[in-house]
Amino acid sequence: MPNLFTSLRTTSINTLASFVSPSGKLARLSILLYHSIPQEPDTLLYDLKDARVFDTQIRYLSKNFNVLPLHEAVQRLRENTLPSRAACITFDDGYANNAEVALPILQKHGVVATFFIAAGFINGGMMWNDKLIELIRRSPGSVLDLSEINFGKFDIGTLRQRQETLFSVIKKFKYLPPEERHARLEQLCHLIPVTLPQNVMMTTEQIKHLYQAGMEIGGHTVNHPILTRLDHEAAYTEIANGKKILEDIIKAPVRLFAYPNGKPSQDYSAEHVAILKEIGFDAAVSTAWGAAKTGTDPYQLPRFTPWDNSYSRFMLRMMQNMFRTIHTVS
């Protein structure tokens, strides 16, 4: 009986999903967004998907959706030939565990994903937010005194307090000008003299391995700046140089791009859409939620991250996302 119930439930949900996202002109393209995929749960980052959760979600997706490589999905969206329940899988930033943990899971389920890599952190680099995470994770004692950089004092004696401190400090850093953020981060490293890991981000060899395994490699700038905080020349250089570094590694064109942080108007503007077209990208993704459909700007494709572990909730979340209003810049 349980197997019969499961089969009926799956059939019903799939029928509803096909109705919501049919093939052809009325199709909707769901693009999922992931970042780091640790092997085990990270207690400090409680909302991070670990290998078990990721495997469960990709199993749901591969069994109930037509998972396509992003470049193929974009082309078929333009041609109105998408299959029903079309979906893509993407990763941002270029974490080493994408190659070590996520890739075997993707291969197990027979699906292709696109990896958007910030080229400046390859081979031992670390993004500013990851430095903050690891500094606060490793900070000794029960009080973190950041008065020297005018951030105040924080209680970090419990896990909850460390989590609250981390998110508070990240919020302070996020929209600082790049030069000021770098200077503050260097000060923070002196205030918290701990050893940081050197293997957080991908190596050149891992990028090659992903590409040779049939995965797609996309641009994500060099240093992951908020593009709206840069002048035109600096933004152009970040985008173009990030593309060239990755193309030199995989010896193939890089045609897809993900805006760092990705919020329309706040993190990128029409100016940056124009830069992508000028440089030669075919499409780009944001972090605005929703599902793409006929007429969606291919340089502003929406993405979202479902967080439910149960089958029914995951599928309903996917369908709910198809009805969201897509935010773009014009």
C-alpha atoms as a PDB file:
ATOM      1  CA  MET A   1       0.000   0.000   0.000  1.00  0.00           C
ATOM      2  CA  PRO A   2       2.739   2.559   0.832  1.00  0.00           C
ATOM      3  CA  ASN A   3       4.302   1.960  -2.597  1.00  0.00           C
ATOM      4  CA  LEU A   4       0.919   2.443  -4.285  1.00  0.00           C
ATOM      5  CA  PHE A   5       0.354   5.649  -2.323  1.00  0.00           C
ATOM      6  CA  THR A   6       3.824   6.924  -3.251  1.00  0.00           C
ATOM      7  CA  SER A   7       3.225   6.108  -6.919  1.00  0.00           C
ATOM      8  CA  LEU A   8      -0.160   7.872  -6.960  1.00  0.00           C
ATOM      9  CA  ARG A   9       1.286  10.905  -5.169  1.00  0.00           C
ATOM     10  CA  THR A  10       4.186  11.122  -7.617  1.00  0.00           C
ATOM     11  CA  THR A  11       1.873  10.801 -10.619  1.00  0.00           C
ATOM     12  CA  SER A  12      -0.470  13.482  -9.268  1.00  0.00           C
ATOM     13  CA  ILE A  13       2.328  15.946  -8.542  1.00  0.00           C
ATOM     14  CA  ASN A  14       3.956  15.321 -11.922  1.00  0.00           C
ATOM     15  CA  THR A  15       0.639  15.841 -13.697  1.00  0.00           C
ATOM     16  CA  LEU A  16       0.194  19.151 -11.877  1.00  0.00           C
ATOM     17  CA  ALA A  17       3.804  20.157 -12.651  1.00  0.00           C
ATOM     18  CA  SER A  18       3.302  19.383 -16.346  1.00  0.00           C
ATOM     19  CA  PHE A  19       0.148  21.504 -16.349  1.00  0.00           C
ATOM     20  CA  VAL A  20       1.990  24.412 -14.720  1.00  0.00           C
ATOM     21  CA  SER A  21       5.030  24.004 -16.972  1.00  0.00           C
ATOM     22  CA  PRO A  22       3.993  22.497 -20.331  1.00  0.00           C
ATOM     23  CA  SER A  23       6.237  22.188 -23.365  1.00  0.00           C
ATOM     24  CA  GLY A  24       6.655  24.683 -26.182  1.00  0.00           C
ATOM     25  CA  LYS A  25       5.536  28.317 -26.086  1.00  0.00           C
ATOM     26  CA  LEU A  26       4.004  28.043 -22.619  1.00  0.00           C
ATOM     27  CA  ALA A  27       7.016  26.309 -21.078  1.00  0.00           C
ATOM     28  CA  ARG A  28       8.720  27.592 -17.958  1.00  0.00           C
ATOM     29  CA  LEU A  29      12.396  27.078 -17.172  1.00  0.00           C
ATOM     30  CA  SER A  30      13.338  26.565 -13.518  1.00  0.00           C
ATOM     31  CA  ILE A  31      17.011  27.284 -12.792  1.00  0.00           C
ATOM     32  CA  LEU A  32      18.265  26.111  -9.407  1.00  0.00           C
ATOM     33  CA  LEU A  33      21.111  27.892  -7.608  1.00  0.00           C
ATOM     34  CA  TYR A  34      23.619  26.304  -5.229  1.00  0.00           C
ATOM     35  CA  HIS A  35      26.896  27.452  -3.707  1.00  0.00           C
ATOM     36  CA  SER A  36      29.076  25.367  -1.404  1.00  0.00           C
ATOM     37  CA  ILE A  37      28.127  21.682  -0.883  1.00  0.00           C
ATOM     38  CA  PRO A  38      30.017  20.342   2.161  1.00  0.00           C
ATOM     39  CA  GLN A  39      30.232  16.617   2.741  1.00  0.00           C
ATOM     40  CA  GLU A  40      28.786  16.951   6.249  1.00  0.00           C
ATOM     41  CA  PRO A  41      26.384  19.518   7.771  1.00  0.00           C
ATOM     42  CA  ASP A  42      28.050  22.793   8.775  1.00  0.00           C
ATOM     43  CA  THR A  43      26.696  23.735  12.199  1.00  0.00           C
ATOM     44  CA  LEU A  44      27.801  27.356  11.817  1.00  0.00           C
ATOM     45  CA  LEU A  45      26.033  27.741   8.463  1.00  0.00           C
ATOM     46  CA  TYR A  46      22.801  25.980   9.336  1.00  0.00           C
ATOM     47  CA  ASP A  47      21.050  26.728   6.024  1.00  0.00           C
ATOM     48  CA  LEU A  48      23.845  25.268   3.858  1.00  0.00           C
ATOM     49  CA  LYS A  49      22.929  22.177   1.836  1.00  0.00           C
ATOM     50  CA  ASP A  50      25.228  19.233   2.633  1.00  0.00           C
ATOM     51  CA  ALA A  51      25.886  16.184   0.439  1.00  0.00           C
ATOM     52  CA  ARG A  52      22.923  14.177   1.760  1.00  0.00           C
ATOM     53  CA  VAL A  53      20.413  16.980   1.224  1.00  0.00           C
ATOM     54  CA  PHE A  54      21.875  17.845  -2.175  1.00  0.00           C
ATOM     55  CA  ASP A  55      21.696  14.203  -3.281  1.00  0.00           C
ATOM     56  CA  THR A  56      18.045  14.038  -2.204  1.00  0.00           C
ATOM     57  CA  GLN A  57      17.133  17.202  -4.096  1.00  0.00           C
ATOM     58  CA  ILE A  58      18.940  16.159  -7.282  1.00  0.00           C
ATOM     59  CA  ARG A  59      17.189  12.784  -7.097  1.00  0.00           C
ATOM     60  CA  TYR A  60      13.797  14.529  -6.889  1.00  0.00           C
ATOM     61  CA  LEU A  61      14.765  16.853  -9.717  1.00  0.00           C
ATOM     62  CA  SER A  62      16.149  14.199 -12.068  1.00  0.00           C
ATOM     63  CA  LYS A  63      13.124  11.936 -11.624  1.00  0.00           C
ATOM     64  CA  ASN A  64      10.471  14.605 -12.036  1.00  0.00           C
ATOM     65  CA  PHE A  65      11.964  17.293 -14.292  1.00  0.00           C
ATOM     66  CA  ASN A  66      13.701  17.389 -17.643  1.00  0.00           C
ATOM     67  CA  VAL A  67      17.123  18.611 -16.532  1.00  0.00           C
ATOM     68  CA  LEU A  68      19.005  20.318 -19.371  1.00  0.00           C
ATOM     69  CA  PRO A  69      22.428  21.921 -19.753  1.00  0.00           C
ATOM     70  CA  LEU A  70      21.899  25.658 -19.373  1.00  0.00           C
ATOM     71  CA  HIS A  71      23.194  26.570 -22.851  1.00  0.00           C
ATOM     72  CA  GLU A  72      20.724  24.096 -24.418  1.00  0.00           C
ATOM     73  CA  ALA A  73      17.862  25.340 -22.268  1.00  0.00           C
ATOM     74  CA  VAL A  74      18.543  28.956 -23.248  1.00  0.00           C
ATOM     75  CA  GLN A  75      18.563  28.059 -26.927  1.00  0.00           C
ATOM     76  CA  ARG A  76      15.351  26.059 -26.645  1.00  0.00           C
ATOM     77  CA  LEU A  77      13.711  28.845 -24.659  1.00  0.00           C
ATOM     78  CA  ARG A  78      14.463  31.195 -27.563  1.00  0.00           C
ATOM     79  CA  GLU A  79      13.053  28.656 -30.040  1.00  0.00           C
ATOM     80  CA  ASN A  80       9.957  27.800 -27.948  1.00  0.00           C
ATOM     81  CA  THR A  81      10.991  24.128 -27.906  1.00  0.00           C
ATOM     82  CA  LEU A  82      11.526  23.552 -24.196  1.00  0.00           C
ATOM     83  CA  PRO A  83      10.126  20.274 -22.836  1.00  0.00           C
ATOM     84  CA  SER A  84       7.604  20.321 -20.026  1.00  0.00           C
ATOM     85  CA  ARG A  85       9.065  20.648 -16.532  1.00  0.00           C
ATOM     86  CA  ALA A  86      12.368  22.016 -17.861  1.00  0.00           C
ATOM     87  CA  ALA A  87      15.063  22.695 -15.266  1.00  0.00           C
ATOM     88  CA  CYS A  88      18.763  23.547 -14.955  1.00  0.00           C
ATOM     89  CA  ILE A  89      21.260  23.282 -12.096  1.00  0.00           C
ATOM     90  CA  THR A  90      23.832  26.000 -11.405  1.00  0.00           C
ATOM     91  CA  PHE A  91      26.544  26.741  -8.849  1.00  0.00           C
ATOM     92  CA  ASP A  92      28.101  30.108  -8.018  1.00  0.00           C
ATOM     93  CA  ASP A  93      31.595  31.160  -6.924  1.00  0.00           C
ATOM     94  CA  GLY A  94      33.737  28.057  -7.543  1.00  0.00           C
ATOM     95  CA  TYR A  95      33.994  26.112  -4.286  1.00  0.00           C
ATOM     96  CA  ALA A  96      36.318  23.111  -4.311  1.00  0.00           C
ATOM     97  CA  ASN A  97      33.598  20.891  -2.857  1.00  0.00           C
ATOM     98  CA  ASN A  98      31.577  21.465  -6.033  1.00  0.00           C
ATOM     99  CA  ALA A  99      34.137  19.243  -7.762  1.00  0.00           C
ATOM    100  CA  GLU A 100      34.819  16.951  -4.805  1.00  0.00           C
ATOM    101  CA  VAL A 101      31.290  16.422  -3.458  1.00  0.00           C
ATOM    102  CA  ALA A 102      28.674  17.736  -5.907  1.00  0.00           C
ATOM    103  CA  LEU A 103      30.127  16.356  -9.148  1.00  0.00           C
ATOM    104  CA  PRO A 104      29.882  12.648  -8.162  1.00  0.00           C
ATOM    105  CA  ILE A 105      26.257  13.218  -7.120  1.00  0.00           C
ATOM    106  CA  LEU A 106      25.432  14.924 -10.419  1.00  0.00           C
ATOM    107  CA  GLN A 107      27.069  12.053 -12.316  1.00  0.00           C
ATOM    108  CA  LYS A 108      25.195   9.493 -10.209  1.00  0.00           C
ATOM    109  CA  HIS A 109      21.897  11.019 -11.358  1.00  0.00           C
ATOM    110  CA  GLY A 110      23.039  11.632 -14.926  1.00  0.00           C
ATOM    111  CA  VAL A 111      22.571  15.413 -15.003  1.00  0.00           C
ATOM    112  CA  VAL A 112      24.689  18.350 -16.188  1.00  0.00           C
ATOM    113  CA  ALA A 113      25.232  21.540 -14.182  1.00  0.00           C
ATOM    114  CA  THR A 114      26.800  24.926 -14.877  1.00  0.00           C
ATOM    115  CA  PHE A 115      29.538  26.226 -12.579  1.00  0.00           C
ATOM    116  CA  PHE A 116      29.994  30.008 -12.449  1.00  0.00           C
ATOM    117  CA  ILE A 117      33.504  30.618 -11.162  1.00  0.00           C
ATOM    118  CA  ALA A 118      35.049  33.803  -9.755  1.00  0.00           C
ATOM    119  CA  ALA A 119      38.429  33.401 -11.444  1.00  0.00           C
ATOM    120  CA  GLY A 120      40.509  35.421  -8.998  1.00  0.00           C
ATOM    121  CA  PHE A 121      40.166  32.863  -6.195  1.00  0.00           C
ATOM    122  CA  ILE A 122      41.350  29.787  -8.093  1.00  0.00           C
ATOM    123  CA  ASN A 123      44.324  27.873  -6.615  1.00  0.00           C
ATOM    124  CA  GLY A 124      44.294  28.814  -2.946  1.00  0.00           C
ATOM    125  CA  GLY A 125      42.317  32.053  -2.878  1.00  0.00           C
ATOM    126  CA  MET A 126      39.365  32.780  -0.656  1.00  0.00           C
ATOM    127  CA  MET A 127      36.420  35.147  -1.033  1.00  0.00           C
ATOM    128  CA  TRP A 128      36.011  37.844   1.626  1.00  0.00           C
ATOM    129  CA  ASN A 129      32.847  36.302   3.074  1.00  0.00           C
ATOM    130  CA  ASP A 130      34.541  32.915   3.430  1.00  0.00           C
ATOM    131  CA  LYS A 131      37.457  34.567   5.217  1.00  0.00           C
ATOM    132  CA  LEU A 132      34.991  36.106   7.648  1.00  0.00           C
ATOM    133  CA  ILE A 133      33.283  32.754   8.154  1.00  0.00           C
ATOM    134  CA  GLU A 134      36.543  30.950   8.887  1.00  0.00           C
ATOM    135  CA  LEU A 135      37.911  33.738  11.101  1.00  0.00           C
ATOM    136  CA  ILE A 136      34.799  33.752  13.276  1.00  0.00           C
ATOM    137  CA  ARG A 137      34.554  29.950  13.239  1.00  0.00           C
ATOM    138  CA  ARG A 138      38.127  29.662  14.557  1.00  0.00           C
ATOM    139  CA  SER A 139      38.148  32.688  16.863  1.00  0.00           C
ATOM    140  CA  PRO A 140      39.142  31.561  20.384  1.00  0.00           C
ATOM    141  CA  GLY A 141      37.362  32.498  23.583  1.00  0.00           C
ATOM    142  CA  SER A 142      33.825  33.611  24.297  1.00  0.00           C
ATOM    143  CA  VAL A 143      34.136  37.314  23.361  1.00  0.00           C
ATOM    144  CA  LEU A 144      35.227  38.797  20.022  1.00  0.00           C
ATOM    145  CA  ASP A 145      36.462  42.367  20.444  1.00  0.00           C
ATOM    146  CA  LEU A 146      36.391  44.300  17.169  1.00  0.00           C
ATOM    147  CA  SER A 147      36.406  47.745  18.744  1.00  0.00           C
ATOM    148  CA  GLU A 148      39.679  48.522  17.018  1.00  0.00           C
ATOM    149  CA  ILE A 149      37.867  48.612  13.659  1.00  0.00           C
ATOM    150  CA  ASN A 150      34.754  50.244  15.152  1.00  0.00           C
ATOM    151  CA  PHE A 151      32.633  47.099  14.974  1.00  0.00           C
ATOM    152  CA  GLY A 152      32.166  46.695  18.736  1.00  0.00           C
ATOM    153  CA  LYS A 153      32.273  43.571  20.905  1.00  0.00           C
ATOM    154  CA  PHE A 154      30.417  40.318  20.333  1.00  0.00           C
ATOM    155  CA  ASP A 155      29.632  37.374  22.597  1.00  0.00           C
ATOM    156  CA  ILE A 156      30.598  34.156  20.801  1.00  0.00           C
ATOM    157  CA  GLY A 157      30.447  31.644  23.645  1.00  0.00           C
ATOM    158  CA  THR A 158      27.584  29.656  22.120  1.00  0.00           C
ATOM    159  CA  LEU A 159      26.956  28.423  18.599  1.00  0.00           C
ATOM    160  CA  ARG A 160      23.938  30.707  18.298  1.00  0.00           C
ATOM    161  CA  GLN A 161      26.023  33.719  19.337  1.00  0.00           C
ATOM    162  CA  ARG A 162      28.711  32.875  16.777  1.00  0.00           C
ATOM    163  CA  GLN A 163      26.061  32.583  14.072  1.00  0.00           C
ATOM    164  CA  GLU A 164      24.563  35.950  15.015  1.00  0.00           C
ATOM    165  CA  THR A 165      28.021  37.536  15.116  1.00  0.00           C
ATOM    166  CA  LEU A 166      28.912  36.120  11.714  1.00  0.00           C
ATOM    167  CA  PHE A 167      25.798  37.433  10.001  1.00  0.00           C
ATOM    168  CA  SER A 168      26.151  40.807  11.707  1.00  0.00           C
ATOM    169  CA  VAL A 169      29.770  41.210  10.577  1.00  0.00           C
ATOM    170  CA  ILE A 170      29.030  40.000   7.034  1.00  0.00           C
ATOM    171  CA  LYS A 171      26.242  42.564   6.797  1.00  0.00           C
ATOM    172  CA  LYS A 172      28.697  45.324   7.813  1.00  0.00           C
ATOM    173  CA  PHE A 173      31.225  44.197   5.185  1.00  0.00           C
ATOM    174  CA  LYS A 174      28.936  43.412   2.255  1.00  0.00           C
ATOM    175  CA  TYR A 175      28.473  46.821   0.684  1.00  0.00           C
ATOM    176  CA  LEU A 176      31.729  48.468   1.718  1.00  0.00           C
ATOM    177  CA  PRO A 177      33.809  49.800  -1.196  1.00  0.00           C
ATOM    178  CA  PRO A 178      36.217  47.022  -2.295  1.00  0.00           C
ATOM    179  CA  GLU A 179      39.339  48.862  -1.115  1.00  0.00           C
ATOM    180  CA  GLU A 180      37.886  49.602   2.320  1.00  0.00           C
ATOM    181  CA  ARG A 181      36.554  46.071   2.663  1.00  0.00           C
ATOM    182  CA  HIS A 182      39.985  44.626   1.844  1.00  0.00           C
ATOM    183  CA  ALA A 183      41.673  46.929   4.376  1.00  0.00           C
ATOM    184  CA  ARG A 184      39.147  46.072   7.106  1.00  0.00           C
ATOM    185  CA  LEU A 185      39.542  42.361   6.369  1.00  0.00           C
ATOM    186  CA  GLU A 186      43.327  42.625   6.730  1.00  0.00           C
ATOM    187  CA  GLN A 187      42.811  44.341  10.098  1.00  0.00           C
ATOM    188  CA  LEU A 188      40.445  41.573  11.111  1.00  0.00           C
ATOM    189  CA  CYS A 189      43.037  38.924  10.220  1.00  0.00           C
ATOM    190  CA  HIS A 190      45.481  40.642  12.589  1.00  0.00           C
ATOM    191  CA  LEU A 191      42.874  40.843  15.338  1.00  0.00           C
ATOM    192  CA  ILE A 192      42.049  37.139  14.973  1.00  0.00           C
ATOM    193  CA  PRO A 193      45.442  35.464  14.347  1.00  0.00           C
ATOM    194  CA  VAL A 194      44.275  32.007  13.275  1.00  0.00           C
ATOM    195  CA  THR A 195      45.340  29.787  10.379  1.00  0.00           C
ATOM    196  CA  LEU A 196      42.898  29.868   7.475  1.00  0.00           C
ATOM    197  CA  PRO A 197      42.297  26.913   5.116  1.00  0.00           C
ATOM    198  CA  GLN A 198      43.885  27.050   1.655  1.00  0.00           C
ATOM    199  CA  ASN A 199      41.594  24.591  -0.125  1.00  0.00           C
ATOM    200  CA  VAL A 200      38.192  26.313  -0.027  1.00  0.00           C
ATOM    201  CA  MET A 201      38.056  27.271  -3.708  1.00  0.00           C
ATOM    202  CA  MET A 202      38.704  25.226  -6.875  1.00  0.00           C
ATOM    203  CA  THR A 203      42.062  24.560  -8.420  1.00  0.00           C
ATOM    204  CA  THR A 204      42.805  24.793 -12.124  1.00  0.00           C
ATOM    205  CA  GLU A 205      42.808  21.006 -12.305  1.00  0.00           C
ATOM    206  CA  GLN A 206      39.375  20.762 -10.700  1.00  0.00           C
ATOM    207  CA  ILE A 207      37.947  23.204 -13.243  1.00  0.00           C
ATOM    208  CA  LYS A 208      39.448  21.145 -16.060  1.00  0.00           C
ATOM    209  CA  HIS A 209      38.016  17.989 -14.488  1.00  0.00           C
ATOM    210  CA  LEU A 210      34.521  19.493 -14.327  1.00  0.00           C
ATOM    211  CA  TYR A 211      34.684  20.560 -17.953  1.00  0.00           C
ATOM    212  CA  GLN A 212      36.053  17.191 -19.099  1.00  0.00           C
ATOM    213  CA  ALA A 213      33.220  15.503 -17.175  1.00  0.00           C
ATOM    214  CA  GLY A 214      30.730  17.328 -19.399  1.00  0.00           C
ATOM    215  CA  MET A 215      29.852  20.150 -17.021  1.00  0.00           C
ATOM    216  CA  GLU A 216      29.521  23.769 -18.171  1.00  0.00           C
ATOM    217  CA  ILE A 217      31.862  26.521 -16.990  1.00  0.00           C
ATOM    218  CA  GLY A 218      30.526  30.069 -16.730  1.00  0.00           C
ATOM    219  CA  GLY A 219      31.956  33.489 -15.922  1.00  0.00           C
ATOM    220  CA  HIS A 220      31.473  35.201 -12.555  1.00  0.00           C
ATOM    221  CA  THR A 221      34.036  38.075 -12.818  1.00  0.00           C
ATOM    222  CA  VAL A 222      37.546  37.940 -11.322  1.00  0.00           C
ATOM    223  CA  ASN A 223      37.049  39.216  -7.777  1.00  0.00           C
ATOM    224  CA  HIS A 224      33.269  38.908  -7.318  1.00  0.00           C
ATOM    225  CA  PRO A 225      32.589  42.657  -6.902  1.00  0.00           C
ATOM    226  CA  ILE A 226      29.191  44.295  -6.715  1.00  0.00           C
ATOM    227  CA  LEU A 227      29.182  45.600 -10.291  1.00  0.00           C
ATOM    228  CA  THR A 228      27.050  48.658  -9.510  1.00  0.00           C
ATOM    229  CA  ARG A 229      29.803  49.831  -7.151  1.00  0.00           C
ATOM    230  CA  LEU A 230      32.360  49.941  -9.992  1.00  0.00           C
ATOM    231  CA  ASP A 231      32.843  52.444 -12.786  1.00  0.00           C
ATOM    232  CA  HIS A 232      32.254  51.250 -16.342  1.00  0.00           C
ATOM    233  CA  GLU A 233      35.893  50.438 -17.130  1.00  0.00           C
ATOM    234  CA  ALA A 234      36.437  48.495 -13.904  1.00  0.00           C
ATOM    235  CA  ALA A 235      33.244  46.473 -14.401  1.00  0.00           C
ATOM    236  CA  TYR A 236      34.172  45.702 -18.015  1.00  0.00           C
ATOM    237  CA  THR A 237      37.643  44.546 -16.943  1.00  0.00           C
ATOM    238  CA  GLU A 238      36.274  42.314 -14.172  1.00  0.00           C
ATOM    239  CA  ILE A 239      33.850  40.600 -16.548  1.00  0.00           C
ATOM    240  CA  ALA A 240      36.197  40.299 -19.535  1.00  0.00           C
ATOM    241  CA  ASN A 241      39.252  39.143 -17.567  1.00  0.00           C
ATOM    242  CA  GLY A 242      37.247  36.566 -15.645  1.00  0.00           C
ATOM    243  CA  LYS A 243      36.035  35.152 -18.956  1.00  0.00           C
ATOM    244  CA  LYS A 244      39.550  35.008 -20.428  1.00  0.00           C
ATOM    245  CA  ILE A 245      41.090  33.281 -17.390  1.00  0.00           C
ATOM    246  CA  LEU A 246      38.499  30.504 -17.533  1.00  0.00           C
ATOM    247  CA  GLU A 247      38.791  30.136 -21.317  1.00  0.00           C
ATOM    248  CA  ASP A 248      42.558  29.743 -20.975  1.00  0.00           C
ATOM    249  CA  ILE A 249      41.967  26.918 -18.484  1.00  0.00           C
ATOM    250  CA  ILE A 250      39.336  24.913 -20.376  1.00  0.00           C
ATOM    251  CA  LYS A 251      40.546  25.874 -23.889  1.00  0.00           C
ATOM    252  CA  ALA A 252      36.977  26.606 -24.967  1.00  0.00           C
ATOM    253  CA  PRO A 253      34.627  29.596 -25.142  1.00  0.00           C
ATOM    254  CA  VAL A 254      32.832  30.703 -21.960  1.00  0.00           C
ATOM    255  CA  ARG A 255      29.394  31.896 -23.060  1.00  0.00           C
ATOM    256  CA  LEU A 256      27.366  32.026 -19.839  1.00  0.00           C
ATOM    257  CA  PHE A 257      27.619  34.493 -16.949  1.00  0.00           C
ATOM    258  CA  ALA A 258      26.258  34.962 -13.420  1.00  0.00           C
ATOM    259  CA  TYR A 259      26.097  38.434 -11.888  1.00  0.00           C
ATOM    260  CA  PRO A 260      27.890  38.518  -8.503  1.00  0.00           C
ATOM    261  CA  ASN A 261      25.285  38.700  -5.753  1.00  0.00           C
ATOM    262  CA  GLY A 262      22.812  39.020  -8.625  1.00  0.00           C
ATOM    263  CA  LYS A 263      20.009  41.299  -7.435  1.00  0.00           C
ATOM    264  CA  PRO A 264      18.595  43.385 -10.330  1.00  0.00           C
ATOM    265  CA  SER A 265      19.213  47.151  -9.979  1.00  0.00           C
ATOM    266  CA  GLN A 266      20.963  46.662  -6.631  1.00  0.00           C
ATOM    267  CA  ASP A 267      23.910  44.536  -7.814  1.00  0.00           C
ATOM    268  CA  TYR A 268      23.838  44.954 -11.591  1.00  0.00           C
ATOM    269  CA  SER A 269      22.189  47.333 -14.049  1.00  0.00           C
ATOM    270  CA  ALA A 270      21.343  47.667 -17.746  1.00  0.00           C
ATOM    271  CA  GLU A 271      24.891  48.900 -18.253  1.00  0.00           C
ATOM    272  CA  HIS A 272      26.261  45.502 -17.242  1.00  0.00           C
ATOM    273  CA  VAL A 273      23.784  43.636 -19.433  1.00  0.00           C
ATOM    274  CA  ALA A 274      25.146  45.688 -22.352  1.00  0.00           C
ATOM    275  CA  ILE A 275      28.741  44.835 -21.376  1.00  0.00           C
ATOM    276  CA  LEU A 276      27.961  41.112 -21.476  1.00  0.00           C
ATOM    277  CA  LYS A 277      26.519  41.420 -24.976  1.00  0.00           C
ATOM    278  CA  GLU A 278      29.532  43.428 -26.133  1.00  0.00           C
ATOM    279  CA  ILE A 279      32.027  40.929 -24.721  1.00  0.00           C
ATOM    280  CA  GLY A 280      30.250  37.983 -26.333  1.00  0.00           C
ATOM    281  CA  PHE A 281      28.236  36.159 -23.687  1.00  0.00           C
ATOM    282  CA  ASP A 282      25.099  34.369 -24.903  1.00  0.00           C
ATOM    283  CA  ALA A 283      23.094  34.514 -21.671  1.00  0.00           C
ATOM    284  CA  ALA A 284      23.307  35.408 -17.989  1.00  0.00           C
ATOM    285  CA  VAL A 285      21.596  34.547 -14.724  1.00  0.00           C
ATOM    286  CA  SER A 286      20.592  36.691 -11.755  1.00  0.00           C
ATOM    287  CA  THR A 287      19.455  35.758  -8.250  1.00  0.00           C
ATOM    288  CA  ALA A 288      15.935  37.119  -8.728  1.00  0.00           C
ATOM    289  CA  TRP A 289      13.492  34.314  -7.996  1.00  0.00           C
ATOM    290  CA  GLY A 290      11.080  32.996 -10.590  1.00  0.00           C
ATOM    291  CA  ALA A 291      11.061  30.797 -13.693  1.00  0.00           C
ATOM    292  CA  ALA A 292      11.969  31.961 -17.195  1.00  0.00           C
ATOM    293  CA  LYS A 293       9.354  31.839 -19.950  1.00  0.00           C
ATOM    294  CA  THR A 294       8.864  33.047 -23.512  1.00  0.00           C
ATOM    295  CA  GLY A 295       9.989  36.666 -23.667  1.00  0.00           C
ATOM    296  CA  THR A 296      12.257  36.524 -20.614  1.00  0.00           C
ATOM    297  CA  ASP A 297      15.501  38.437 -21.209  1.00  0.00           C
ATOM    298  CA  PRO A 298      18.173  35.716 -21.737  1.00  0.00           C
ATOM    299  CA  TYR A 299      20.671  38.036 -20.030  1.00  0.00           C
ATOM    300  CA  GLN A 300      18.532  38.178 -16.881  1.00  0.00           C
ATOM    301  CA  LEU A 301      17.360  34.633 -16.290  1.00  0.00           C
ATOM    302  CA  PRO A 302      15.918  34.140 -12.787  1.00  0.00           C
ATOM    303  CA  ARG A 303      17.119  31.475 -10.348  1.00  0.00           C
ATOM    304  CA  PHE A 304      16.106  30.213  -6.946  1.00  0.00           C
ATOM    305  CA  THR A 305      17.164  27.759  -4.251  1.00  0.00           C
ATOM    306  CA  PRO A 306      14.551  25.314  -2.924  1.00  0.00           C
ATOM    307  CA  TRP A 307      15.227  24.396   0.701  1.00  0.00           C
ATOM    308  CA  ASP A 308      12.731  21.612   1.392  1.00  0.00           C
ATOM    309  CA  ASN A 309      13.885  18.047   1.973  1.00  0.00           C
ATOM    310  CA  SER A 310      10.553  16.234   1.693  1.00  0.00           C
ATOM    311  CA  TYR A 311       9.432  15.212  -1.783  1.00  0.00           C
ATOM    312  CA  SER A 312       6.006  16.878  -1.684  1.00  0.00           C
ATOM    313  CA  ARG A 313       7.311  20.178  -0.295  1.00  0.00           C
ATOM    314  CA  PHE A 314      10.205  20.265  -2.749  1.00  0.00           C
ATOM    315  CA  MET A 315       7.902  19.741  -5.730  1.00  0.00           C
ATOM    316  CA  LEU A 316       5.351  22.257  -4.483  1.00  0.00           C
ATOM    317  CA  ARG A 317       8.133  24.796  -3.905  1.00  0.00           C
ATOM    318  CA  MET A 318       9.300  24.285  -7.487  1.00  0.00           C
ATOM    319  CA  MET A 319       5.780  24.899  -8.796  1.00  0.00           C
ATOM    320  CA  GLN A 320       5.206  27.897  -6.531  1.00  0.00           C
ATOM    321  CA  ASN A 321       8.359  29.490  -7.918  1.00  0.00           C
ATOM    322  CA  MET A 322       6.995  29.250 -11.464  1.00  0.00           C
ATOM    323  CA  PHE A 323       4.355  31.875 -10.627  1.00  0.00           C
ATOM    324  CA  ARG A 324       6.688  34.489  -9.154  1.00  0.00           C
ATOM    325  CA  THR A 325       7.005  37.853 -10.875  1.00  0.00           C
ATOM    326  CA  ILE A 326      10.440  38.115 -12.454  1.00  0.00           C
ATOM    327  CA  HIS A 327      12.413  41.246 -11.523  1.00  0.00           C
ATOM    328  CA  THR A 328      14.792  42.625 -14.151  1.00  0.00           C
ATOM    329  CA  VAL A 329      16.468  45.886 -15.153  1.00  0.00           C
ATOM    330  CA  SER A 330      15.681  47.735 -18.341  1.00  0.00           C
END
